[in-house]
Protein backbone atom coordinates (compact mmCIF):
# COMPACT_ATOMS: atom_id res chain seq x y z
CA MET A 1 114.01 174.86 82.16
CA VAL A 2 115.08 174.69 85.81
CA GLU A 3 118.65 175.77 84.98
CA ARG A 4 117.39 178.68 82.91
CA LEU A 5 115.06 179.80 85.69
CA PHE A 6 117.93 179.57 88.12
CA THR A 7 120.24 181.56 85.82
CA VAL A 8 117.48 184.30 85.43
CA CYS A 9 116.95 184.46 89.21
CA ALA A 10 120.60 184.67 89.93
CA ALA A 11 121.12 187.51 87.56
CA ALA A 12 118.07 189.34 88.94
CA LEU A 13 119.46 189.00 92.52
CA ALA A 14 122.88 190.10 91.47
CA VAL A 15 121.35 193.36 89.87
CA VAL A 16 119.69 194.53 93.05
CA GLY A 17 122.85 193.56 95.00
CA ALA A 18 121.26 190.71 96.96
CA SER A 19 123.08 187.51 97.71
CA ALA A 20 121.21 184.21 97.97
CA SER A 21 121.91 180.62 98.14
CA VAL A 22 119.67 178.22 96.40
CA ALA A 23 119.50 174.40 97.16
CA VAL A 24 117.94 172.35 94.27
CA ALA A 25 116.97 168.90 95.36
CA ALA A 26 116.51 166.04 92.86
CA PRO A 27 113.06 164.87 92.40
CA ALA A 28 112.10 162.08 94.65
CA ARG A 29 111.52 158.68 92.96
CA PRO A 30 107.92 157.68 93.52
CA ALA A 31 106.96 154.22 94.93
CA ASN A 32 106.69 151.55 92.45
CA THR A 33 103.92 148.88 92.41
CA VAL A 34 105.51 145.39 92.87
CA PHE A 35 104.17 141.92 92.61
CA PHE A 36 105.83 138.73 93.98
CA ALA A 37 104.91 134.98 93.26
CA SER A 38 106.12 132.20 95.51
CA THR A 39 108.93 130.06 94.05
CA GLY A 40 108.26 127.24 96.44
CA PRO A 41 105.76 126.19 99.11
CA PHE A 42 104.74 128.80 101.77
CA VAL A 43 104.76 127.01 104.97
CA LEU A 44 103.45 128.23 108.45
CA TYR A 45 104.85 125.72 111.15
CA ASP A 46 103.46 125.52 114.70
CA THR A 47 106.51 124.73 116.88
CA SER A 48 104.36 123.80 119.79
CA THR A 49 102.15 121.18 118.08
CA GLY A 50 104.21 120.34 114.97
CA ILE A 51 101.36 121.03 112.67
CA ALA A 52 102.16 122.78 109.43
CA LEU A 53 99.99 124.74 107.00
CA ALA A 54 101.13 124.78 103.46
CA CYS A 55 100.18 126.67 100.25
CA ASP A 56 101.88 126.03 96.92
CA THR A 57 100.94 129.40 95.50
CA VAL A 58 101.23 132.64 97.28
CA ASP A 59 101.09 136.04 95.40
CA LEU A 60 101.97 139.38 97.06
CA ALA A 61 101.43 142.86 95.99
CA GLY A 62 102.54 146.16 97.31
CA SER A 63 105.07 148.87 96.68
CA ASP A 64 108.73 149.50 96.95
CA SER A 65 110.11 152.95 97.76
CA PRO A 66 113.48 154.72 98.12
CA THR A 67 112.24 156.00 101.69
CA PRO A 68 111.49 153.74 104.55
CA PRO A 69 109.88 151.26 104.52
CA PRO A 70 111.61 150.15 101.37
CA LEU A 71 108.88 147.50 100.80
CA MET A 72 105.23 147.41 101.79
CA ILE A 73 103.10 144.46 101.20
CA THR A 74 99.41 145.48 100.95
CA SER A 75 97.80 142.43 99.44
CA ALA A 76 98.45 138.58 99.75
CA THR A 77 96.51 135.63 98.22
CA PHE A 78 97.16 132.08 99.49
CA SER A 79 96.20 128.94 97.70
CA ASP A 80 97.05 125.30 96.86
CA SER A 81 96.41 123.72 93.50
CA SER A 82 95.31 120.33 95.22
CA VAL A 83 92.24 121.94 96.62
CA PRO A 84 89.60 124.36 95.19
CA VAL A 85 90.09 126.97 97.80
CA GLY A 86 92.63 127.32 100.67
CA CYS A 87 95.73 125.63 101.86
CA LEU A 88 96.59 122.40 103.27
CA ALA A 89 96.68 121.44 106.88
CA PRO A 90 96.59 117.90 108.44
CA GLY A 91 92.99 116.62 108.03
CA SER A 92 91.75 120.10 106.92
CA VAL A 93 91.78 122.82 104.27
CA MET A 94 92.43 126.17 105.75
CA THR A 95 91.81 129.52 104.13
CA ILE A 96 94.28 132.26 104.80
CA THR A 97 93.49 135.95 104.34
CA ASN A 98 95.65 138.98 104.73
CA ILE A 99 94.44 141.36 107.47
CA SER A 100 97.02 144.23 107.42
CA SER A 101 99.86 145.72 105.35
CA TRP A 102 103.31 144.35 106.17
CA ALA A 103 106.12 147.03 106.38
CA PHE A 104 109.68 145.71 105.85
CA ASN A 105 111.86 147.23 108.44
CA VAL A 106 115.59 147.07 107.43
CA THR A 107 118.15 146.20 110.19
CA SER A 108 121.06 145.64 107.97
CA THR A 109 122.36 145.44 104.35
CA VAL A 110 124.68 142.56 103.34
CA GLY A 111 125.88 142.60 99.65
CA GLY A 112 123.07 144.78 98.38
CA VAL A 113 120.39 142.53 100.10
CA ALA A 114 118.43 144.15 102.93
CA GLN A 115 117.93 142.07 106.03
CA GLY A 116 115.13 142.82 108.44
CA GLU A 117 111.64 141.97 109.40
CA PHE A 118 107.99 142.51 108.29
CA ALA A 119 106.25 144.48 110.94
CA GLY A 120 102.47 144.20 111.04
CA PHE A 121 102.47 140.75 109.53
CA ASP A 122 98.80 139.63 110.30
CA VAL A 123 96.77 136.87 108.67
CA HIS A 124 93.56 135.13 109.49
CA VAL A 125 93.21 131.38 109.16
CA HIS A 126 90.03 129.43 109.36
CA ASP A 127 88.56 126.09 108.20
CA SER A 128 85.01 124.98 107.37
CA ALA A 129 84.51 123.45 110.80
CA GLY A 130 84.82 126.73 112.46
CA CYS A 131 88.41 126.73 113.74
CA SER A 132 89.81 130.12 113.27
CA PHE A 133 92.89 131.97 114.51
CA ASP A 134 95.18 134.94 113.55
CA LEU A 135 98.90 134.74 113.16
CA GLU A 136 100.57 138.04 114.19
CA GLY A 137 104.10 139.34 114.54
CA SER A 138 107.25 140.26 112.82
CA PRO A 139 108.95 137.47 110.83
CA ALA A 140 112.50 137.76 109.67
CA ALA A 141 112.88 138.71 105.95
CA SER A 142 115.49 139.61 103.23
CA TYR A 143 114.81 141.72 100.11
CA ASP A 144 117.01 142.27 97.15
CA GLY A 145 115.38 145.08 95.19
CA ALA A 146 117.72 144.78 92.20
CA ALA A 147 117.02 141.04 91.80
CA MET A 148 113.32 141.35 92.92
CA THR A 149 113.74 138.48 95.37
CA LEU A 150 112.13 138.36 98.69
CA ASP A 151 112.55 135.65 101.44
CA ILE A 152 110.44 135.46 104.46
CA SER A 153 111.75 132.76 106.97
CA GLY A 154 112.25 132.23 110.59
CA SER A 155 110.37 132.76 113.81
CA GLY A 156 108.37 135.94 115.01
CA LEU A 157 104.81 134.75 114.80
CA ALA A 158 102.35 133.83 117.25
CA ALA A 159 98.83 132.34 117.15
CA THR A 160 96.10 134.86 118.57
CA ASN A 161 92.33 134.91 118.78
CA VAL A 162 92.14 131.14 118.71
CA SER A 163 88.45 130.09 118.54
CA SER A 164 87.19 127.54 120.96
CA SER A 165 86.37 125.11 117.98
CA CYS A 166 89.92 124.74 117.25
CA ASP A 167 91.58 121.47 118.42
CA PRO A 168 94.25 122.43 120.97
CA THR A 169 96.46 119.70 119.67
CA MET A 170 96.54 121.55 116.39
CA VAL A 171 96.76 125.24 117.63
CA ALA A 172 96.47 127.18 120.76
CA ASN A 173 96.62 130.91 121.76
CA GLY A 174 100.35 131.79 122.01
CA ASP A 175 101.74 129.02 119.88
CA PRO A 176 104.95 130.36 118.12
CA PHE A 177 105.04 129.78 114.55
CA LEU A 178 107.70 129.68 112.00
CA VAL A 179 107.35 130.73 108.37
CA ASP A 180 109.41 129.64 105.38
CA SER A 181 108.83 131.14 101.81
CA SER A 182 110.59 132.55 98.87
CA PHE A 183 109.31 134.89 96.18
CA GLN A 184 110.42 136.33 92.81
CA GLY A 185 109.08 139.61 91.52
């Protein structure tokens, strides 16, 4: 249909003696909804205190797109099968909730796998005793859109908004955190 319309328009322009150039762009691929499930434990590790929070199941949802950012995580759920609700921390069960969307910013591509970081990573952590804090930052990540694998691991997170009811030997404002996790879509 487009080719026929182009032919008719070109013929009409030729009849009136006009010249024109027409650029026809390929239609853009829309963003696709994507889902990822953790393939092992999701661990958040406070490098100042040595305390680790661990979840055995994390599910992510979002979209991938041919335009930047190539991956956006808009929803995350964190759980551990050994407790009714939440994830494990020494002497406590912590609930982790996603606060914001995480945009994957590509810094390089190696063998078809995009390397970069998740800008806007922000989760809220709290327990039943009133300890609560946020983990914010841009952790390192790699994304293989063809294989639908995602790894988020390395530094780039810090504890913020730590409540006064948190034990400072567990977490304090500014504590750097490492994250380690792998996902399959």
